[in-house]
PDB file of N, CA and C in Angstrom:
ATOM      1  N   UNK A   1      70.944 202.093  37.699  1.00  0.00           N
ATOM      2  CA  UNK A   1      69.881 201.510  36.888  1.00  0.00           C
ATOM      3  C   UNK A   1      68.578 201.533  37.641  1.00  0.00           C
ATOM      4  N   UNK A   2      67.542 201.870  36.964  1.00  0.00           N
ATOM      5  CA  UNK A   2      66.185 201.790  37.548  1.00  0.00           C
ATOM      6  C   UNK A   2      65.308 201.034  36.558  1.00  0.00           C
ATOM      7  N   UNK A   3      64.224 200.525  37.052  1.00  0.00           N
ATOM      8  CA  UNK A   3      63.282 199.849  36.197  1.00  0.00           C
ATOM      9  C   UNK A   3      62.642 200.852  35.259  1.00  0.00           C
ATOM     10  N   UNK A   4      62.142 200.358  34.083  1.00  0.00           N
ATOM     11  CA  UNK A   4      61.420 201.210  33.211  1.00  0.00           C
ATOM     12  C   UNK A   4      60.140 201.690  33.920  1.00  0.00           C
ATOM     13  N   UNK A   5      59.695 202.898  33.585  1.00  0.00           N
ATOM     14  CA  UNK A   5      58.516 203.464  34.200  1.00  0.00           C
ATOM     15  C   UNK A   5      57.495 203.698  33.121  1.00  0.00           C
ATOM     16  N   UNK A   6      56.207 203.654  33.451  1.00  0.00           N
ATOM     17  CA  UNK A   6      55.150 203.964  32.487  1.00  0.00           C
ATOM     18  C   UNK A   6      55.316 205.382  31.988  1.00  0.00           C
ATOM     19  N   UNK A   7      54.902 205.666  30.740  1.00  0.00           N
ATOM     20  CA  UNK A   7      54.997 207.006  30.178  1.00  0.00           C
ATOM     21  C   UNK A   7      54.187 207.996  31.008  1.00  0.00           C
ATOM     22  N   UNK A   8      53.136 207.541  31.684  1.00  0.00           N
ATOM     23  CA  UNK A   8      52.318 208.427  32.485  1.00  0.00           C
ATOM     24  C   UNK A   8      53.141 209.103  33.609  1.00  0.00           C
ATOM     25  N   UNK A   9      54.241 208.498  33.976  1.00  0.00           N
ATOM     26  CA  UNK A   9      55.102 209.110  35.027  1.00  0.00           C
ATOM     27  C   UNK A   9      55.839 210.330  34.515  1.00  0.00           C
ATOM     28  N   UNK A  10      55.903 210.516  33.202  1.00  0.00           N
ATOM     29  CA  UNK A  10      56.611 211.662  32.634  1.00  0.00           C
ATOM     30  C   UNK A  10      56.112 212.994  33.057  1.00  0.00           C
ATOM     31  N   UNK A  11      54.868 213.091  33.503  1.00  0.00           N
ATOM     32  CA  UNK A  11      54.270 214.345  33.948  1.00  0.00           C
ATOM     33  C   UNK A  11      53.882 214.295  35.421  1.00  0.00           C
ATOM     34  N   UNK A  12      54.210 213.215  36.113  1.00  0.00           N
ATOM     35  CA  UNK A  12      53.771 213.061  37.503  1.00  0.00           C
ATOM     36  C   UNK A  12      54.614 213.860  38.481  1.00  0.00           C
ATOM     37  N   UNK A  13      53.983 214.624  39.315  1.00  0.00           N
ATOM     38  CA  UNK A  13      54.570 215.215  40.513  1.00  0.00           C
ATOM     39  C   UNK A  13      53.676 214.915  41.640  1.00  0.00           C
ATOM     40  N   UNK A  14      54.214 214.436  42.736  1.00  0.00           N
ATOM     41  CA  UNK A  14      53.411 214.098  43.886  1.00  0.00           C
ATOM     42  C   UNK A  14      54.296 213.349  44.898  1.00  0.00           C
ATOM     43  N   UNK A  15      53.629 212.704  45.825  1.00  0.00           N
ATOM     44  CA  UNK A  15      54.382 211.946  46.827  1.00  0.00           C
ATOM     45  C   UNK A  15      53.958 210.457  46.778  1.00  0.00           C
ATOM     46  N   UNK A  16      54.899 209.598  46.547  1.00  0.00           N
ATOM     47  CA  UNK A  16      54.646 208.156  46.569  1.00  0.00           C
ATOM     48  C   UNK A  16      54.740 207.720  48.015  1.00  0.00           C
ATOM     49  N   UNK A  17      53.723 207.055  48.503  1.00  0.00           N
ATOM     50  CA  UNK A  17      53.696 206.676  49.916  1.00  0.00           C
ATOM     51  C   UNK A  17      54.865 205.793  50.374  1.00  0.00           C
ATOM     52  N   UNK A  18      55.162 205.851  51.658  1.00  0.00           N
ATOM     53  CA  UNK A  18      56.189 204.983  52.238  1.00  0.00           C
ATOM     54  C   UNK A  18      55.861 203.526  51.943  1.00  0.00           C
ATOM     55  N   UNK A  19      56.865 202.699  51.907  1.00  0.00           N
ATOM     56  CA  UNK A  19      56.737 201.259  51.683  1.00  0.00           C
ATOM     57  C   UNK A  19      56.424 200.902  50.254  1.00  0.00           C
ATOM     58  N   UNK A  20      56.511 201.851  49.339  1.00  0.00           N
ATOM     59  CA  UNK A  20      56.314 201.580  47.919  1.00  0.00           C
ATOM     60  C   UNK A  20      57.586 201.971  47.166  1.00  0.00           C
ATOM     61  N   UNK A  21      57.823 201.283  46.059  1.00  0.00           N
ATOM     62  CA  UNK A  21      59.027 201.583  45.251  1.00  0.00           C
ATOM     63  C   UNK A  21      59.037 203.031  44.849  1.00  0.00           C
ATOM     64  N   UNK A  22      60.174 203.700  45.125  1.00  0.00           N
ATOM     65  CA  UNK A  22      60.288 205.079  44.753  1.00  0.00           C
ATOM     66  C   UNK A  22      59.652 206.058  45.756  1.00  0.00           C
ATOM     67  N   UNK A  23      59.384 205.565  46.958  1.00  0.00           N
ATOM     68  CA  UNK A  23      58.664 206.367  47.957  1.00  0.00           C
ATOM     69  C   UNK A  23      59.324 207.740  48.149  1.00  0.00           C
ATOM     70  N   UNK A  24      58.476 208.733  48.326  1.00  0.00           N
ATOM     71  CA  UNK A  24      58.964 210.097  48.596  1.00  0.00           C
ATOM     72  C   UNK A  24      58.462 211.082  47.590  1.00  0.00           C
ATOM     73  N   UNK A  25      58.953 212.309  47.676  1.00  0.00           N
ATOM     74  CA  UNK A  25      58.486 213.362  46.806  1.00  0.00           C
ATOM     75  C   UNK A  25      59.094 213.189  45.414  1.00  0.00           C
ATOM     76  N   UNK A  26      58.242 213.435  44.426  1.00  0.00           N
ATOM     77  CA  UNK A  26      58.674 213.375  43.025  1.00  0.00           C
ATOM     78  C   UNK A  26      58.355 214.697  42.371  1.00  0.00           C
ATOM     79  N   UNK A  27      59.392 215.344  41.802  1.00  0.00           N
ATOM     80  CA  UNK A  27      59.148 216.592  41.085  1.00  0.00           C
ATOM     81  C   UNK A  27      59.817 216.477  39.710  1.00  0.00           C
ATOM     82  N   UNK A  28      59.323 217.286  38.809  1.00  0.00           N
ATOM     83  CA  UNK A  28      59.965 217.400  37.461  1.00  0.00           C
ATOM     84  C   UNK A  28      60.958 218.549  37.578  1.00  0.00           C
ATOM     85  N   UNK A  29      62.242 218.250  37.596  1.00  0.00           N
ATOM     86  CA  UNK A  29      63.247 219.266  37.762  1.00  0.00           C
ATOM     87  C   UNK A  29      63.545 219.969  36.445  1.00  0.00           C
ATOM     88  N   UNK A  30      63.403 219.310  35.346  1.00  0.00           N
ATOM     89  CA  UNK A  30      63.704 219.910  34.041  1.00  0.00           C
ATOM     90  C   UNK A  30      62.856 219.236  32.996  1.00  0.00           C
ATOM     91  N   UNK A  31      62.565 220.026  31.929  1.00  0.00           N
ATOM     92  CA  UNK A  31      61.859 219.386  30.828  1.00  0.00           C
ATOM     93  C   UNK A  31      62.225 220.168  29.538  1.00  0.00           C
ATOM     94  N   UNK A  32      62.041 219.542  28.428  1.00  0.00           N
ATOM     95  CA  UNK A  32      62.405 220.204  27.174  1.00  0.00           C
ATOM     96  C   UNK A  32      62.593 219.150  26.102  1.00  0.00           C
ATOM     97  N   UNK A  33      63.366 219.486  25.116  1.00  0.00           N
ATOM     98  CA  UNK A  33      63.653 218.598  23.943  1.00  0.00           C
ATOM     99  C   UNK A  33      65.123 218.362  23.839  1.00  0.00           C
ATOM    100  N   UNK A  34      65.480 217.363  23.009  1.00  0.00           N
ATOM    101  CA  UNK A  34      66.892 217.071  22.773  1.00  0.00           C
ATOM    102  C   UNK A  34      67.085 216.779  21.265  1.00  0.00           C
ATOM    103  N   UNK A  35      68.301 216.952  20.842  1.00  0.00           N
ATOM    104  CA  UNK A  35      68.690 216.655  19.450  1.00  0.00           C
ATOM    105  C   UNK A  35      69.794 215.631  19.507  1.00  0.00           C
ATOM    106  N   UNK A  36      69.625 214.436  18.960  1.00  0.00           N
ATOM    107  CA  UNK A  36      70.729 213.479  18.918  1.00  0.00           C
ATOM    108  C   UNK A  36      71.790 214.019  17.929  1.00  0.00           C
ATOM    109  N   UNK A  37      73.051 213.856  18.300  1.00  0.00           N
ATOM    110  CA  UNK A  37      74.143 214.278  17.405  1.00  0.00           C
ATOM    111  C   UNK A  37      74.898 213.066  16.881  1.00  0.00           C
ATOM    112  N   UNK A  38      75.306 212.174  17.825  1.00  0.00           N
ATOM    113  CA  UNK A  38      76.013 210.952  17.447  1.00  0.00           C
ATOM    114  C   UNK A  38      75.680 209.880  18.463  1.00  0.00           C
ATOM    115  N   UNK A  39      75.262 208.760  17.983  1.00  0.00           N
ATOM    116  CA  UNK A  39      74.926 207.655  18.891  1.00  0.00           C
ATOM    117  C   UNK A  39      75.680 206.386  18.436  1.00  0.00           C
ATOM    118  N   UNK A  40      76.539 205.893  19.300  1.00  0.00           N
ATOM    119  CA  UNK A  40      77.236 204.638  19.051  1.00  0.00           C
ATOM    120  C   UNK A  40      77.189 203.806  20.325  1.00  0.00           C
ATOM    121  N   UNK A  41      76.113 203.031  20.478  1.00  0.00           N
ATOM    122  CA  UNK A  41      75.908 202.279  21.691  1.00  0.00           C
ATOM    123  C   UNK A  41      76.939 201.159  21.834  1.00  0.00           C
ATOM    124  N   UNK A  42      77.461 200.637  20.716  1.00  0.00           N
ATOM    125  CA  UNK A  42      78.525 199.607  20.792  1.00  0.00           C
ATOM    126  C   UNK A  42      79.717 200.182  21.503  1.00  0.00           C
ATOM    127  N   UNK A  43      80.049 201.431  21.266  1.00  0.00           N
ATOM    128  CA  UNK A  43      81.200 202.106  21.914  1.00  0.00           C
ATOM    129  C   UNK A  43      80.790 202.864  23.184  1.00  0.00           C
ATOM    130  N   UNK A  44      79.507 202.739  23.556  1.00  0.00           N
ATOM    131  CA  UNK A  44      78.969 203.455  24.724  1.00  0.00           C
ATOM    132  C   UNK A  44      79.276 204.929  24.636  1.00  0.00           C
ATOM    133  N   UNK A  45      78.858 205.542  23.548  1.00  0.00           N
ATOM    134  CA  UNK A  45      79.110 206.938  23.326  1.00  0.00           C
ATOM    135  C   UNK A  45      77.860 207.594  22.702  1.00  0.00           C
ATOM    136  N   UNK A  46      77.292 208.556  23.384  1.00  0.00           N
ATOM    137  CA  UNK A  46      76.084 209.252  22.937  1.00  0.00           C
ATOM    138  C   UNK A  46      76.296 210.771  23.060  1.00  0.00           C
ATOM    139  N   UNK A  47      76.189 211.483  21.976  1.00  0.00           N
ATOM    140  CA  UNK A  47      76.266 212.958  21.989  1.00  0.00           C
ATOM    141  C   UNK A  47      74.925 213.487  21.654  1.00  0.00           C
ATOM    142  N   UNK A  48      74.535 214.586  22.316  1.00  0.00           N
ATOM    143  CA  UNK A  48      73.238 215.196  22.106  1.00  0.00           C
ATOM    144  C   UNK A  48      73.223 216.646  22.578  1.00  0.00           C
ATOM    145  N   UNK A  49      72.195 217.383  22.128  1.00  0.00           N
ATOM    146  CA  UNK A  49      72.022 218.785  22.545  1.00  0.00           C
ATOM    147  C   UNK A  49      70.710 218.855  23.298  1.00  0.00           C
ATOM    148  N   UNK A  50      70.734 219.449  24.486  1.00  0.00           N
ATOM    149  CA  UNK A  50      69.573 219.623  25.323  1.00  0.00           C
ATOM    150  C   UNK A  50      68.987 221.036  25.169  1.00  0.00           C
ATOM    151  N   UNK A  51      67.660 221.097  25.060  1.00  0.00           N
ATOM    152  CA  UNK A  51      66.926 222.349  25.030  1.00  0.00           C
ATOM    153  C   UNK A  51      65.950 222.339  26.216  1.00  0.00           C
ATOM    154  N   UNK A  52      66.476 222.307  27.401  1.00  0.00           N
ATOM    155  CA  UNK A  52      65.652 222.223  28.613  1.00  0.00           C
ATOM    156  C   UNK A  52      65.474 223.589  29.246  1.00  0.00           C
ATOM    157  N   UNK A  53      64.689 223.589  30.292  1.00  0.00           N
ATOM    158  CA  UNK A  53      64.527 224.860  31.058  1.00  0.00           C
ATOM    159  C   UNK A  53      65.677 225.035  32.008  1.00  0.00           C
ATOM    160  N   UNK A  54      66.345 223.957  32.411  1.00  0.00           N
ATOM    161  CA  UNK A  54      67.507 224.018  33.267  1.00  0.00           C
ATOM    162  C   UNK A  54      68.810 223.692  32.544  1.00  0.00           C
ATOM    163  N   UNK A  55      68.843 222.583  31.834  1.00  0.00           N
ATOM    164  CA  UNK A  55      70.025 222.158  31.116  1.00  0.00           C
ATOM    165  C   UNK A  55      69.891 222.457  29.638  1.00  0.00           C
ATOM    166  N   UNK A  56      70.957 223.150  29.100  1.00  0.00           N
ATOM    167  CA  UNK A  56      70.958 223.570  27.743  1.00  0.00           C
ATOM    168  C   UNK A  56      72.324 223.290  27.115  1.00  0.00           C
ATOM    169  N   UNK A  57      72.360 223.031  25.872  1.00  0.00           N
ATOM    170  CA  UNK A  57      73.613 222.873  25.161  1.00  0.00           C
ATOM    171  C   UNK A  57      74.035 221.415  24.899  1.00  0.00           C
ATOM    172  N   UNK A  58      75.328 221.310  24.493  1.00  0.00           N
ATOM    173  CA  UNK A  58      75.832 219.953  24.090  1.00  0.00           C
ATOM    174  C   UNK A  58      76.314 219.147  25.311  1.00  0.00           C
ATOM    175  N   UNK A  59      75.995 217.886  25.272  1.00  0.00           N
ATOM    176  CA  UNK A  59      76.387 216.931  26.288  1.00  0.00           C
ATOM    177  C   UNK A  59      76.851 215.637  25.686  1.00  0.00           C
ATOM    178  N   UNK A  60      77.584 214.856  26.417  1.00  0.00           N
ATOM    179  CA  UNK A  60      78.049 213.517  26.022  1.00  0.00           C
ATOM    180  C   UNK A  60      77.752 212.562  27.166  1.00  0.00           C
ATOM    181  N   UNK A  61      77.216 211.415  26.849  1.00  0.00           N
ATOM    182  CA  UNK A  61      77.129 210.288  27.746  1.00  0.00           C
ATOM    183  C   UNK A  61      78.163 209.282  27.317  1.00  0.00           C
ATOM    184  N   UNK A  62      79.033 208.900  28.219  1.00  0.00           N
ATOM    185  CA  UNK A  62      80.061 207.887  27.909  1.00  0.00           C
ATOM    186  C   UNK A  62      79.930 206.745  28.926  1.00  0.00           C
ATOM    187  N   UNK A  63      79.934 205.563  28.411  1.00  0.00           N
ATOM    188  CA  UNK A  63      79.758 204.378  29.241  1.00  0.00           C
ATOM    189  C   UNK A  63      81.032 203.786  29.763  1.00  0.00           C
ATOM    190  N   UNK A  64      80.959 203.141  30.897  1.00  0.00           N
ATOM    191  CA  UNK A  64      82.054 202.426  31.534  1.00  0.00           C
ATOM    192  C   UNK A  64      81.681 200.989  31.732  1.00  0.00           C
ATOM    193  N   UNK A  65      82.408 200.263  32.560  1.00  0.00           N
ATOM    194  CA  UNK A  65      82.082 198.844  32.803  1.00  0.00           C
ATOM    195  C   UNK A  65      80.672 198.717  33.358  1.00  0.00           C
ATOM    196  N   UNK A  66      79.979 197.662  32.995  1.00  0.00           N
ATOM    197  CA  UNK A  66      78.638 197.455  33.468  1.00  0.00           C
ATOM    198  C   UNK A  66      77.733 198.454  32.861  1.00  0.00           C
ATOM    199  N   UNK A  67      76.759 198.948  33.652  1.00  0.00           N
ATOM    200  CA  UNK A  67      75.836 199.983  33.171  1.00  0.00           C
ATOM    201  C   UNK A  67      76.126 201.339  33.816  1.00  0.00           C
ATOM    202  N   UNK A  68      77.404 201.662  33.980  1.00  0.00           N
ATOM    203  CA  UNK A  68      77.813 202.916  34.553  1.00  0.00           C
ATOM    204  C   UNK A  68      78.070 203.932  33.422  1.00  0.00           C
ATOM    205  N   UNK A  69      77.447 205.124  33.524  1.00  0.00           N
ATOM    206  CA  UNK A  69      77.559 206.147  32.539  1.00  0.00           C
ATOM    207  C   UNK A  69      77.984 207.458  33.206  1.00  0.00           C
ATOM    208  N   UNK A  70      78.723 208.298  32.457  1.00  0.00           N
ATOM    209  CA  UNK A  70      79.130 209.574  32.912  1.00  0.00           C
ATOM    210  C   UNK A  70      78.577 210.655  31.967  1.00  0.00           C
ATOM    211  N   UNK A  71      77.881 211.647  32.537  1.00  0.00           N
ATOM    212  CA  UNK A  71      77.341 212.767  31.730  1.00  0.00           C
ATOM    213  C   UNK A  71      78.396 213.872  31.757  1.00  0.00           C
ATOM    214  N   UNK A  72      78.785 214.338  30.566  1.00  0.00           N
ATOM    215  CA  UNK A  72      79.790 215.410  30.430  1.00  0.00           C
ATOM    216  C   UNK A  72      79.187 216.561  29.696  1.00  0.00           C
ATOM    217  N   UNK A  73      79.330 217.757  30.235  1.00  0.00           N
ATOM    218  CA  UNK A  73      78.910 219.000  29.554  1.00  0.00           C
ATOM    219  C   UNK A  73      80.001 219.432  28.602  1.00  0.00           C
ATOM    220  N   UNK A  74      79.643 219.627  27.342  1.00  0.00           N
ATOM    221  CA  UNK A  74      80.581 220.133  26.333  1.00  0.00           C
ATOM    222  C   UNK A  74      80.765 221.649  26.508  1.00  0.00           C
ATOM    223  N   UNK A  75      81.913 222.182  26.110  1.00  0.00           N
ATOM    224  CA  UNK A  75      82.123 223.600  26.181  1.00  0.00           C
ATOM    225  C   UNK A  75      81.352 224.242  25.015  1.00  0.00           C
ATOM    226  N   UNK A  76      80.431 225.131  25.343  1.00  0.00           N
ATOM    227  CA  UNK A  76      79.660 225.858  24.349  1.00  0.00           C
ATOM    228  C   UNK A  76      79.156 227.116  25.025  1.00  0.00           C
ATOM    229  N   UNK A  77      78.258 227.854  24.388  1.00  0.00           N
ATOM    230  CA  UNK A  77      77.787 229.119  24.934  1.00  0.00           C
ATOM    231  C   UNK A  77      76.979 228.933  26.234  1.00  0.00           C
ATOM    232  N   UNK A  78      76.567 227.735  26.560  1.00  0.00           N
ATOM    233  CA  UNK A  78      75.807 227.477  27.793  1.00  0.00           C
ATOM    234  C   UNK A  78      76.685 226.957  28.924  1.00  0.00           C
ATOM    235  N   UNK A  79      77.937 226.636  28.628  1.00  0.00           N
ATOM    236  CA  UNK A  79      78.840 226.053  29.662  1.00  0.00           C
ATOM    237  C   UNK A  79      79.181 227.106  30.686  1.00  0.00           C
ATOM    238  N   UNK A  80      79.260 226.716  31.944  1.00  0.00           N
ATOM    239  CA  UNK A  80      79.654 227.574  33.041  1.00  0.00           C
ATOM    240  C   UNK A  80      80.705 226.881  33.889  1.00  0.00           C
ATOM    241  N   UNK A  81      81.705 227.628  34.362  1.00  0.00           N
ATOM    242  CA  UNK A  81      82.737 227.005  35.210  1.00  0.00           C
ATOM    243  C   UNK A  81      82.173 226.594  36.536  1.00  0.00           C
ATOM    244  N   UNK A  82      81.175 227.268  37.028  1.00  0.00           N
ATOM    245  CA  UNK A  82      80.519 226.844  38.257  1.00  0.00           C
ATOM    246  C   UNK A  82      79.024 226.876  37.998  1.00  0.00           C
ATOM    247  N   UNK A  83      78.380 225.832  38.461  1.00  0.00           N
ATOM    248  CA  UNK A  83      76.929 225.694  38.281  1.00  0.00           C
ATOM    249  C   UNK A  83      76.297 225.224  39.566  1.00  0.00           C
ATOM    250  N   UNK A  84      75.314 225.925  40.044  1.00  0.00           N
ATOM    251  CA  UNK A  84      74.637 225.566  41.260  1.00  0.00           C
ATOM    252  C   UNK A  84      73.161 225.293  40.929  1.00  0.00           C
ATOM    253  N   UNK A  85      72.701 224.100  41.254  1.00  0.00           N
ATOM    254  CA  UNK A  85      71.289 223.785  40.987  1.00  0.00           C
ATOM    255  C   UNK A  85      70.430 224.575  41.988  1.00  0.00           C
ATOM    256  N   UNK A  86      69.304 224.973  41.502  1.00  0.00           N
ATOM    257  CA  UNK A  86      68.347 225.702  42.355  1.00  0.00           C
ATOM    258  C   UNK A  86      67.356 224.706  42.960  1.00  0.00           C
ATOM    259  N   UNK A  87      67.237 224.698  44.278  1.00  0.00           N
ATOM    260  CA  UNK A  87      66.326 223.744  44.861  1.00  0.00           C
ATOM    261  C   UNK A  87      64.880 224.083  44.528  1.00  0.00           C
ATOM    262  N   UNK A  88      64.155 223.061  44.138  1.00  0.00           N
ATOM    263  CA  UNK A  88      62.736 223.273  43.783  1.00  0.00           C
ATOM    264  C   UNK A  88      61.804 222.567  44.801  1.00  0.00           C
ATOM    265  N   UNK A  89      62.369 221.798  45.669  1.00  0.00           N
ATOM    266  CA  UNK A  89      61.559 221.066  46.633  1.00  0.00           C
ATOM    267  C   UNK A  89      61.471 221.895  47.915  1.00  0.00           C
ATOM    268  N   UNK A  90      60.576 222.851  47.923  1.00  0.00           N
ATOM    269  CA  UNK A  90      60.385 223.729  49.075  1.00  0.00           C
ATOM    270  C   UNK A  90      59.238 223.223  49.932  1.00  0.00           C
ATOM    271  N   UNK A  91      58.992 223.782  51.095  1.00  0.00           N
ATOM    272  CA  UNK A  91      57.848 223.408  51.923  1.00  0.00           C
ATOM    273  C   UNK A  91      56.544 223.628  51.221  1.00  0.00           C
ATOM    274  N   UNK A  92      56.440 224.731  50.505  1.00  0.00           N
ATOM    275  CA  UNK A  92      55.231 225.016  49.719  1.00  0.00           C
ATOM    276  C   UNK A  92      54.995 223.940  48.641  1.00  0.00           C
ATOM    277  N   UNK A  93      56.076 223.584  47.973  1.00  0.00           N
ATOM    278  CA  UNK A  93      55.994 222.526  46.962  1.00  0.00           C
ATOM    279  C   UNK A  93      55.557 221.214  47.600  1.00  0.00           C
ATOM    280  N   UNK A  94      56.167 220.876  48.722  1.00  0.00           N
ATOM    281  CA  UNK A  94      55.789 219.606  49.426  1.00  0.00           C
ATOM    282  C   UNK A  94      54.315 219.580  49.776  1.00  0.00           C
ATOM    283  N   UNK A  95      53.765 220.680  50.229  1.00  0.00           N
ATOM    284  CA  UNK A  95      52.322 220.723  50.575  1.00  0.00           C
ATOM    285  C   UNK A  95      51.468 220.468  49.344  1.00  0.00           C
ATOM    286  N   UNK A  96      51.845 221.074  48.222  1.00  0.00           N
ATOM    287  CA  UNK A  96      51.083 220.835  46.966  1.00  0.00           C
ATOM    288  C   UNK A  96      51.245 219.397  46.505  1.00  0.00           C
ATOM    289  N   UNK A  97      52.467 218.838  46.626  1.00  0.00           N
ATOM    290  CA  UNK A  97      52.669 217.465  46.179  1.00  0.00           C
ATOM    291  C   UNK A  97      51.912 216.465  47.013  1.00  0.00           C
ATOM    292  N   UNK A  98      51.751 216.792  48.310  1.00  0.00           N
ATOM    293  CA  UNK A  98      51.052 215.867  49.198  1.00  0.00           C
ATOM    294  C   UNK A  98      49.596 215.600  48.803  1.00  0.00           C
ATOM    295  N   UNK A  99      49.036 216.525  48.043  1.00  0.00           N
ATOM    296  CA  UNK A  99      47.634 216.355  47.614  1.00  0.00           C
ATOM    297  C   UNK A  99      47.512 215.535  46.339  1.00  0.00           C
ATOM    298  N   UNK A 100      48.597 215.187  45.676  1.00  0.00           N
ATOM    299  CA  UNK A 100      48.521 214.462  44.443  1.00  0.00           C
ATOM    300  C   UNK A 100      48.835 212.977  44.654  1.00  0.00           C
ATOM    301  N   UNK A 101      48.277 212.175  43.815  1.00  0.00           N
ATOM    302  CA  UNK A 101      48.477 210.692  43.879  1.00  0.00           C
ATOM    303  C   UNK A 101      49.275 210.220  42.657  1.00  0.00           C
ATOM    304  N   UNK A 102      49.964 209.081  42.772  1.00  0.00           N
ATOM    305  CA  UNK A 102      50.658 208.543  41.604  1.00  0.00           C
ATOM    306  C   UNK A 102      49.648 208.244  40.505  1.00  0.00           C
ATOM    307  N   UNK A 103      50.091 208.267  39.224  1.00  0.00           N
ATOM    308  CA  UNK A 103      49.180 208.057  38.093  1.00  0.00           C
ATOM    309  C   UNK A 103      48.828 206.613  37.832  1.00  0.00           C
ATOM    310  N   UNK A 104      49.235 205.701  38.742  1.00  0.00           N
ATOM    311  CA  UNK A 104      48.915 204.303  38.547  1.00  0.00           C
ATOM    312  C   UNK A 104      48.280 203.763  39.830  1.00  0.00           C
ATOM    313  N   UNK A 105      47.860 202.542  39.774  1.00  0.00           N
ATOM    314  CA  UNK A 105      47.316 201.881  40.942  1.00  0.00           C
ATOM    315  C   UNK A 105      48.445 201.722  41.969  1.00  0.00           C
ATOM    316  N   UNK A 106      48.259 202.241  43.162  1.00  0.00           N
ATOM    317  CA  UNK A 106      49.269 202.252  44.178  1.00  0.00           C
ATOM    318  C   UNK A 106      49.816 200.834  44.464  1.00  0.00           C
ATOM    319  N   UNK A 107      49.048 199.838  44.262  1.00  0.00           N
ATOM    320  CA  UNK A 107      49.476 198.476  44.531  1.00  0.00           C
ATOM    321  C   UNK A 107      50.443 197.952  43.471  1.00  0.00           C
ATOM    322  N   UNK A 108      50.551 198.666  42.332  1.00  0.00           N
ATOM    323  CA  UNK A 108      51.485 198.288  41.292  1.00  0.00           C
ATOM    324  C   UNK A 108      52.860 198.892  41.480  1.00  0.00           C
ATOM    325  N   UNK A 109      52.989 199.847  42.428  1.00  0.00           N
ATOM    326  CA  UNK A 109      54.281 200.520  42.581  1.00  0.00           C
ATOM    327  C   UNK A 109      55.338 199.592  43.198  1.00  0.00           C
TER     328      UNK A 109
END
């Protein structure tokens, strides 16, 4: 669980300074749209389709005790038996991120 974040964070990439909540490099790893398929929060069951640049296809979120959730990839044309994420946080990216500031007052972080 994390605290809610302002909508302005949805496009933020940069470095949050040490000693502030969420300190470190922040990148947008994926973006896109989703289609809800079935939502039953009482049963902690959410099905949806992702149309992202990285993640695509049908997924299910299923809840367990407390606020623990498991993301499951459904078998479809986008499913792969092995999937390796591509690192996006390179030295070049870190240099570019270092020049950016968080979209809010740093004292509010």
